[in-house]
């Protein structure tokens, strides 16, 4: 079993894996990377999954419960995800993807739209750029 976990850990390109000494919650962070011009990072915190997306485009602020990320999948469906993090005016969105794990692990994301308080940024992904499916599948195996 240790060998299997070790193998999954290595394949997932884990940047950080630790347990908070006060709460006992485990947080695993995968190494981030660019998806088109959008920087992404996948995180598993205890039993919840989060996606952090950042853009250099001036979209205004990411306001909790208001700002959102839209993801268009290869089957044509669109996932509407609300920013759950703190107010962020530097182009970073925090979205919780727990309710969409099945869709995001079984389909490729073709387009991402970040909607801030001032404007929006849409990123079309080229074939092979979508790393969400593989990353989330890795996180579920850890």
N, C-alpha and C. Protein backbone atom coordinates (compact mmCIF):
# COMPACT_ATOMS: atom_id res chain seq x y z
N UNK A 1 0.82 -1.20 0.00
CA UNK A 1 0.00 0.00 0.00
C UNK A 1 0.86 1.25 0.00
N UNK A 2 1.92 1.26 0.77
CA UNK A 2 2.81 2.41 0.81
C UNK A 2 3.39 2.70 -0.57
N UNK A 3 3.70 1.68 -1.32
CA UNK A 3 4.25 1.83 -2.66
C UNK A 3 3.22 2.47 -3.59
N UNK A 4 1.96 2.08 -3.48
CA UNK A 4 0.90 2.64 -4.31
C UNK A 4 0.72 4.13 -4.00
N UNK A 5 0.67 4.48 -2.73
CA UNK A 5 0.50 5.87 -2.33
C UNK A 5 1.70 6.68 -2.80
N UNK A 6 2.88 6.14 -2.62
CA UNK A 6 4.09 6.82 -3.04
C UNK A 6 4.10 7.06 -4.54
N UNK A 7 3.67 6.07 -5.32
CA UNK A 7 3.60 6.19 -6.77
C UNK A 7 2.58 7.25 -7.18
N UNK A 8 1.40 7.25 -6.57
CA UNK A 8 0.36 8.25 -6.87
C UNK A 8 0.86 9.64 -6.49
N UNK A 9 1.55 9.73 -5.37
CA UNK A 9 2.07 11.00 -4.90
C UNK A 9 3.05 11.58 -5.91
N UNK A 10 3.93 10.75 -6.44
CA UNK A 10 4.92 11.20 -7.41
C UNK A 10 4.27 11.59 -8.74
N UNK A 11 3.30 10.81 -9.21
CA UNK A 11 2.62 11.10 -10.48
C UNK A 11 1.81 12.38 -10.41
N UNK A 12 1.35 12.75 -9.25
CA UNK A 12 0.49 13.92 -9.08
C UNK A 12 1.27 15.23 -9.02
N UNK A 13 2.57 15.19 -8.98
CA UNK A 13 3.40 16.40 -8.90
C UNK A 13 2.99 17.25 -7.70
N UNK A 14 3.07 16.65 -6.54
CA UNK A 14 2.67 17.30 -5.29
C UNK A 14 3.71 18.36 -4.91
N UNK A 15 3.23 19.56 -4.64
CA UNK A 15 4.11 20.65 -4.19
C UNK A 15 4.19 20.68 -2.68
N UNK A 16 3.07 20.33 -2.02
CA UNK A 16 3.03 20.38 -0.57
C UNK A 16 2.00 19.38 -0.06
N UNK A 17 2.33 18.71 1.03
CA UNK A 17 1.42 17.74 1.65
C UNK A 17 1.68 17.79 3.15
N UNK A 18 0.70 18.31 3.89
CA UNK A 18 0.91 18.44 5.32
C UNK A 18 -0.37 18.37 6.12
N UNK A 19 -0.20 18.12 7.41
CA UNK A 19 -1.33 18.04 8.33
C UNK A 19 -1.18 19.15 9.36
N UNK A 20 -2.23 19.95 9.52
CA UNK A 20 -2.21 21.02 10.50
C UNK A 20 -2.18 20.41 11.91
N UNK A 21 -1.21 20.82 12.71
CA UNK A 21 -1.04 20.22 14.03
C UNK A 21 -2.15 20.58 15.00
N UNK A 22 -2.91 21.62 14.74
CA UNK A 22 -4.00 22.01 15.64
C UNK A 22 -5.33 21.39 15.23
N UNK A 23 -5.62 21.38 13.93
CA UNK A 23 -6.92 20.90 13.46
C UNK A 23 -6.90 19.46 12.99
N UNK A 24 -5.71 18.97 12.63
CA UNK A 24 -5.60 17.61 12.09
C UNK A 24 -6.01 17.52 10.62
N UNK A 25 -6.31 18.65 10.00
CA UNK A 25 -6.72 18.65 8.59
C UNK A 25 -5.50 18.51 7.68
N UNK A 26 -5.64 17.63 6.69
CA UNK A 26 -4.58 17.41 5.71
C UNK A 26 -4.84 18.30 4.50
N UNK A 27 -3.80 18.96 4.02
CA UNK A 27 -3.89 19.78 2.82
C UNK A 27 -2.82 19.32 1.84
N UNK A 28 -3.25 19.01 0.60
CA UNK A 28 -2.34 18.61 -0.47
C UNK A 28 -2.46 19.65 -1.57
N UNK A 29 -1.33 20.17 -2.01
CA UNK A 29 -1.31 21.17 -3.08
C UNK A 29 -0.48 20.60 -4.23
N UNK A 30 -1.08 20.60 -5.43
CA UNK A 30 -0.34 20.17 -6.61
C UNK A 30 0.44 21.35 -7.17
N UNK A 31 1.56 21.07 -7.83
CA UNK A 31 2.34 22.13 -8.46
C UNK A 31 1.44 22.82 -9.48
N UNK A 32 1.45 24.13 -9.43
CA UNK A 32 0.63 24.93 -10.34
C UNK A 32 1.24 25.00 -11.73
N UNK A 33 0.46 25.51 -12.64
CA UNK A 33 0.95 25.68 -13.99
C UNK A 33 -0.03 26.53 -14.79
N UNK A 34 0.39 26.88 -15.98
CA UNK A 34 -0.46 27.71 -16.83
C UNK A 34 -1.39 26.87 -17.67
N UNK A 35 -2.61 27.34 -17.79
CA UNK A 35 -3.62 26.78 -18.68
C UNK A 35 -3.94 27.94 -19.60
N UNK A 36 -3.27 27.97 -20.75
CA UNK A 36 -3.35 29.16 -21.59
C UNK A 36 -2.64 30.27 -20.84
N UNK A 37 -3.30 31.42 -20.67
CA UNK A 37 -2.72 32.55 -19.95
C UNK A 37 -3.20 32.61 -18.50
N UNK A 38 -3.91 31.57 -18.06
CA UNK A 38 -4.45 31.53 -16.71
C UNK A 38 -3.60 30.58 -15.87
N UNK A 39 -3.13 31.07 -14.73
CA UNK A 39 -2.36 30.23 -13.82
C UNK A 39 -3.34 29.47 -12.93
N UNK A 40 -3.12 28.17 -12.77
CA UNK A 40 -4.02 27.37 -11.95
C UNK A 40 -3.25 26.55 -10.93
N UNK A 41 -3.94 26.28 -9.81
CA UNK A 41 -3.39 25.42 -8.77
C UNK A 41 -4.54 24.63 -8.17
N UNK A 42 -4.35 23.33 -8.00
CA UNK A 42 -5.38 22.46 -7.42
C UNK A 42 -5.00 22.11 -5.98
N UNK A 43 -6.00 22.15 -5.10
CA UNK A 43 -5.76 21.90 -3.68
C UNK A 43 -6.84 20.98 -3.12
N UNK A 44 -6.41 20.02 -2.31
CA UNK A 44 -7.34 19.20 -1.54
C UNK A 44 -7.12 19.56 -0.08
N UNK A 45 -8.16 20.08 0.55
CA UNK A 45 -8.08 20.45 1.95
C UNK A 45 -9.07 19.60 2.72
N UNK A 46 -8.52 18.67 3.50
CA UNK A 46 -9.32 17.68 4.20
C UNK A 46 -10.09 16.87 3.15
N UNK A 47 -11.39 17.04 3.05
CA UNK A 47 -12.14 16.27 2.05
C UNK A 47 -12.77 17.18 0.99
N UNK A 48 -12.30 18.43 0.90
CA UNK A 48 -12.82 19.37 -0.09
C UNK A 48 -11.76 19.67 -1.14
N UNK A 49 -12.23 19.97 -2.35
CA UNK A 49 -11.34 20.25 -3.47
C UNK A 49 -11.53 21.68 -3.94
N UNK A 50 -10.41 22.39 -4.12
CA UNK A 50 -10.44 23.78 -4.53
C UNK A 50 -9.56 23.99 -5.75
N UNK A 51 -9.94 24.96 -6.54
CA UNK A 51 -9.18 25.36 -7.70
C UNK A 51 -8.90 26.84 -7.56
N UNK A 52 -7.64 27.22 -7.66
CA UNK A 52 -7.24 28.62 -7.63
C UNK A 52 -6.85 29.00 -9.05
N UNK A 53 -7.48 30.04 -9.57
CA UNK A 53 -7.20 30.51 -10.93
C UNK A 53 -6.80 31.97 -10.86
N UNK A 54 -5.72 32.33 -11.55
CA UNK A 54 -5.23 33.70 -11.56
C UNK A 54 -5.03 34.19 -12.98
N UNK A 55 -5.35 35.45 -13.19
CA UNK A 55 -5.14 36.07 -14.49
C UNK A 55 -4.42 37.41 -14.30
N UNK A 56 -3.59 37.77 -15.26
CA UNK A 56 -2.93 39.07 -15.23
C UNK A 56 -3.85 40.15 -15.81
N UNK A 57 -4.95 39.74 -16.43
CA UNK A 57 -5.92 40.69 -16.97
C UNK A 57 -6.61 41.43 -15.83
N UNK A 58 -6.92 42.71 -16.05
CA UNK A 58 -7.60 43.49 -15.02
C UNK A 58 -9.10 43.22 -15.10
N UNK A 59 -9.57 42.30 -14.28
CA UNK A 59 -11.00 41.96 -14.24
C UNK A 59 -11.67 42.59 -13.02
N UNK A 60 -10.93 43.42 -12.30
CA UNK A 60 -11.45 43.98 -11.06
C UNK A 60 -11.19 43.01 -9.93
N UNK A 61 -12.10 42.98 -8.99
CA UNK A 61 -11.92 42.12 -7.81
C UNK A 61 -12.72 40.83 -7.94
N UNK A 62 -12.27 39.82 -7.23
CA UNK A 62 -13.05 38.58 -7.07
C UNK A 62 -13.75 38.74 -5.73
N UNK A 63 -15.06 38.95 -5.78
CA UNK A 63 -15.85 39.19 -4.58
C UNK A 63 -16.58 37.91 -4.18
N UNK A 64 -16.48 37.54 -2.92
CA UNK A 64 -17.09 36.32 -2.39
C UNK A 64 -18.58 36.26 -2.70
N UNK A 65 -19.01 35.14 -3.28
CA UNK A 65 -20.42 34.91 -3.57
C UNK A 65 -20.96 35.66 -4.78
N UNK A 66 -20.15 36.55 -5.37
CA UNK A 66 -20.58 37.37 -6.50
C UNK A 66 -19.81 37.04 -7.77
N UNK A 67 -18.50 37.11 -7.67
CA UNK A 67 -17.65 36.83 -8.83
C UNK A 67 -17.69 35.34 -9.11
N UNK A 68 -17.40 34.98 -10.37
CA UNK A 68 -17.49 33.56 -10.69
C UNK A 68 -16.54 33.14 -11.79
N UNK A 69 -16.45 31.85 -11.94
CA UNK A 69 -15.69 31.21 -13.01
C UNK A 69 -16.64 30.30 -13.77
N UNK A 70 -16.67 30.45 -15.08
CA UNK A 70 -17.45 29.56 -15.92
C UNK A 70 -16.47 28.64 -16.64
N UNK A 71 -16.80 27.35 -16.69
CA UNK A 71 -15.97 26.38 -17.40
C UNK A 71 -16.85 25.66 -18.41
N UNK A 72 -16.44 25.73 -19.67
CA UNK A 72 -17.15 25.01 -20.72
C UNK A 72 -16.42 23.70 -20.95
N UNK A 73 -17.18 22.61 -20.95
CA UNK A 73 -16.60 21.28 -21.11
C UNK A 73 -16.71 20.81 -22.55
N UNK A 74 -15.97 19.74 -22.87
CA UNK A 74 -15.95 19.23 -24.25
C UNK A 74 -17.27 18.65 -24.72
N UNK A 75 -18.22 18.45 -23.81
CA UNK A 75 -19.55 17.97 -24.22
C UNK A 75 -20.53 19.13 -24.42
N UNK A 76 -20.02 20.38 -24.29
CA UNK A 76 -20.83 21.56 -24.50
C UNK A 76 -21.48 22.11 -23.23
N UNK A 77 -21.44 21.36 -22.14
CA UNK A 77 -22.05 21.84 -20.90
C UNK A 77 -21.17 22.92 -20.26
N UNK A 78 -21.79 23.75 -19.44
CA UNK A 78 -21.09 24.83 -18.76
C UNK A 78 -21.28 24.68 -17.25
N UNK A 79 -20.18 24.76 -16.52
CA UNK A 79 -20.21 24.71 -15.07
C UNK A 79 -20.03 26.13 -14.56
N UNK A 80 -20.91 26.56 -13.68
CA UNK A 80 -20.91 27.90 -13.11
C UNK A 80 -20.44 27.80 -11.66
N UNK A 81 -19.25 28.33 -11.37
CA UNK A 81 -18.63 28.21 -10.05
C UNK A 81 -18.44 29.59 -9.42
N UNK A 82 -18.91 29.76 -8.20
CA UNK A 82 -18.84 31.04 -7.51
C UNK A 82 -17.55 31.13 -6.70
N UNK A 83 -16.95 32.32 -6.70
CA UNK A 83 -15.74 32.58 -5.91
C UNK A 83 -16.08 32.44 -4.43
N UNK A 84 -15.33 31.59 -3.71
CA UNK A 84 -15.60 31.34 -2.29
C UNK A 84 -14.51 31.90 -1.38
N UNK A 85 -13.47 32.46 -1.95
CA UNK A 85 -12.37 32.99 -1.15
C UNK A 85 -12.67 34.39 -0.64
N UNK A 86 -11.68 34.97 0.02
CA UNK A 86 -11.77 36.33 0.50
C UNK A 86 -11.77 37.28 -0.70
N UNK A 87 -12.17 38.53 -0.46
CA UNK A 87 -12.10 39.56 -1.48
C UNK A 87 -10.68 39.62 -2.01
N UNK A 88 -10.52 39.52 -3.32
CA UNK A 88 -9.19 39.51 -3.92
C UNK A 88 -9.21 40.43 -5.14
N UNK A 89 -8.40 41.47 -5.11
CA UNK A 89 -8.36 42.43 -6.22
C UNK A 89 -7.09 42.29 -7.05
N UNK A 90 -6.48 41.11 -6.99
CA UNK A 90 -5.25 40.86 -7.74
C UNK A 90 -5.45 39.81 -8.83
N UNK A 91 -6.70 39.49 -9.17
CA UNK A 91 -6.97 38.58 -10.28
C UNK A 91 -7.00 37.11 -9.91
N UNK A 92 -7.07 36.78 -8.62
CA UNK A 92 -7.09 35.38 -8.20
C UNK A 92 -8.48 34.99 -7.71
N UNK A 93 -8.99 33.89 -8.26
CA UNK A 93 -10.31 33.36 -7.91
C UNK A 93 -10.13 32.03 -7.19
N UNK A 94 -10.92 31.81 -6.15
CA UNK A 94 -10.92 30.55 -5.41
C UNK A 94 -12.28 29.92 -5.60
N UNK A 95 -12.30 28.72 -6.15
CA UNK A 95 -13.58 28.04 -6.36
C UNK A 95 -13.53 26.64 -5.75
N UNK A 96 -14.63 26.25 -5.17
CA UNK A 96 -14.77 24.92 -4.58
C UNK A 96 -15.45 24.04 -5.63
N UNK A 97 -14.84 22.90 -5.95
CA UNK A 97 -15.35 22.08 -7.05
C UNK A 97 -15.96 20.75 -6.60
N UNK A 98 -16.20 20.59 -5.30
CA UNK A 98 -16.73 19.33 -4.77
C UNK A 98 -17.95 18.82 -5.52
N UNK A 99 -18.89 19.71 -5.82
CA UNK A 99 -20.15 19.31 -6.46
C UNK A 99 -20.00 18.98 -7.94
N UNK A 100 -18.82 19.22 -8.51
CA UNK A 100 -18.62 19.02 -9.95
C UNK A 100 -17.47 18.06 -10.25
N UNK A 101 -17.08 17.28 -9.26
CA UNK A 101 -15.94 16.37 -9.44
C UNK A 101 -16.17 15.38 -10.58
N UNK A 102 -17.36 14.82 -10.68
CA UNK A 102 -17.64 13.84 -11.73
C UNK A 102 -17.46 14.45 -13.12
N UNK A 103 -18.03 15.64 -13.32
CA UNK A 103 -17.93 16.30 -14.62
C UNK A 103 -16.49 16.69 -14.94
N UNK A 104 -15.79 17.24 -13.95
CA UNK A 104 -14.44 17.73 -14.19
C UNK A 104 -13.40 16.62 -14.33
N UNK A 105 -13.68 15.44 -13.79
CA UNK A 105 -12.72 14.34 -13.95
C UNK A 105 -13.03 13.49 -15.18
N UNK A 106 -14.22 13.65 -15.76
CA UNK A 106 -14.57 12.82 -16.92
C UNK A 106 -14.64 13.61 -18.23
N UNK A 107 -14.49 14.93 -18.16
CA UNK A 107 -14.52 15.76 -19.37
C UNK A 107 -13.34 16.73 -19.35
N UNK A 108 -12.97 17.19 -20.53
CA UNK A 108 -11.93 18.22 -20.64
C UNK A 108 -12.58 19.59 -20.63
N UNK A 109 -11.90 20.54 -20.03
CA UNK A 109 -12.34 21.93 -20.05
C UNK A 109 -11.82 22.54 -21.34
N UNK A 110 -12.71 23.17 -22.11
CA UNK A 110 -12.31 23.78 -23.38
C UNK A 110 -12.16 25.29 -23.28
N UNK A 111 -12.93 25.91 -22.37
CA UNK A 111 -12.90 27.36 -22.22
C UNK A 111 -13.12 27.72 -20.76
N UNK A 112 -12.39 28.74 -20.29
CA UNK A 112 -12.54 29.25 -18.93
C UNK A 112 -12.88 30.73 -19.04
N UNK A 113 -13.86 31.17 -18.25
CA UNK A 113 -14.17 32.60 -18.18
C UNK A 113 -14.14 33.03 -16.70
N UNK A 114 -13.29 34.00 -16.40
CA UNK A 114 -13.20 34.57 -15.07
C UNK A 114 -13.98 35.88 -15.07
N UNK A 115 -14.96 36.00 -14.19
CA UNK A 115 -15.82 37.19 -14.15
C UNK A 115 -15.60 37.92 -12.84
N UNK A 116 -14.95 39.08 -12.94
CA UNK A 116 -14.68 39.90 -11.77
C UNK A 116 -15.69 41.02 -11.63
N UNK A 117 -15.40 41.96 -10.75
CA UNK A 117 -16.32 43.06 -10.50
C UNK A 117 -16.30 44.10 -11.61
N UNK A 118 -15.22 44.16 -12.41
CA UNK A 118 -15.08 45.17 -13.45
C UNK A 118 -15.29 44.61 -14.85
N UNK A 119 -14.76 43.44 -15.11
CA UNK A 119 -14.86 42.86 -16.45
C UNK A 119 -14.64 41.35 -16.37
N UNK A 120 -14.44 40.75 -17.51
CA UNK A 120 -14.21 39.31 -17.55
C UNK A 120 -13.07 38.97 -18.49
N UNK A 121 -12.50 37.81 -18.28
CA UNK A 121 -11.42 37.30 -19.14
C UNK A 121 -11.79 35.89 -19.57
N UNK A 122 -11.80 35.66 -20.88
CA UNK A 122 -12.12 34.33 -21.41
C UNK A 122 -10.87 33.74 -22.03
N UNK A 123 -10.59 32.49 -21.69
CA UNK A 123 -9.41 31.78 -22.19
C UNK A 123 -9.85 30.50 -22.89
N UNK A 124 -9.60 30.43 -24.19
CA UNK A 124 -9.85 29.21 -24.96
C UNK A 124 -8.65 28.30 -24.76
N UNK A 125 -8.88 27.05 -24.42
CA UNK A 125 -7.78 26.12 -24.19
C UNK A 125 -7.52 25.29 -25.43
N UNK A 126 -6.26 25.17 -25.77
CA UNK A 126 -5.88 24.31 -26.89
C UNK A 126 -5.93 22.87 -26.43
N UNK A 127 -6.07 21.95 -27.37
CA UNK A 127 -6.11 20.53 -27.04
C UNK A 127 -4.84 20.17 -26.25
N UNK A 128 -5.04 19.48 -25.14
CA UNK A 128 -3.92 19.06 -24.30
C UNK A 128 -3.57 20.04 -23.19
N UNK A 129 -4.17 21.25 -23.21
CA UNK A 129 -3.87 22.24 -22.16
C UNK A 129 -4.65 21.99 -20.89
N UNK A 130 -5.78 21.31 -20.99
CA UNK A 130 -6.60 21.08 -19.80
C UNK A 130 -5.91 20.09 -18.87
N UNK A 131 -5.56 20.56 -17.69
CA UNK A 131 -4.92 19.70 -16.69
C UNK A 131 -5.82 19.46 -15.49
N UNK A 132 -7.04 20.01 -15.52
CA UNK A 132 -7.95 19.88 -14.39
C UNK A 132 -8.35 18.43 -14.15
N UNK A 133 -8.76 17.75 -15.21
CA UNK A 133 -9.23 16.37 -15.09
C UNK A 133 -8.16 15.48 -14.46
N UNK A 134 -6.96 15.54 -15.01
CA UNK A 134 -5.87 14.70 -14.52
C UNK A 134 -5.49 15.09 -13.09
N UNK A 135 -5.42 16.39 -12.81
CA UNK A 135 -5.05 16.86 -11.48
C UNK A 135 -6.05 16.46 -10.42
N UNK A 136 -7.35 16.64 -10.73
CA UNK A 136 -8.37 16.27 -9.75
C UNK A 136 -8.43 14.77 -9.53
N UNK A 137 -8.21 14.00 -10.60
CA UNK A 137 -8.16 12.54 -10.47
C UNK A 137 -7.00 12.15 -9.56
N UNK A 138 -5.86 12.80 -9.74
CA UNK A 138 -4.71 12.54 -8.87
C UNK A 138 -5.03 12.86 -7.41
N UNK A 139 -5.63 14.02 -7.17
CA UNK A 139 -5.93 14.41 -5.79
C UNK A 139 -6.87 13.43 -5.11
N UNK A 140 -7.82 12.89 -5.85
CA UNK A 140 -8.76 11.94 -5.24
C UNK A 140 -8.06 10.64 -4.87
N UNK A 141 -6.91 10.34 -5.51
CA UNK A 141 -6.20 9.10 -5.22
C UNK A 141 -5.27 9.22 -4.02
N UNK A 142 -5.06 10.42 -3.54
CA UNK A 142 -4.12 10.64 -2.42
C UNK A 142 -4.83 10.54 -1.08
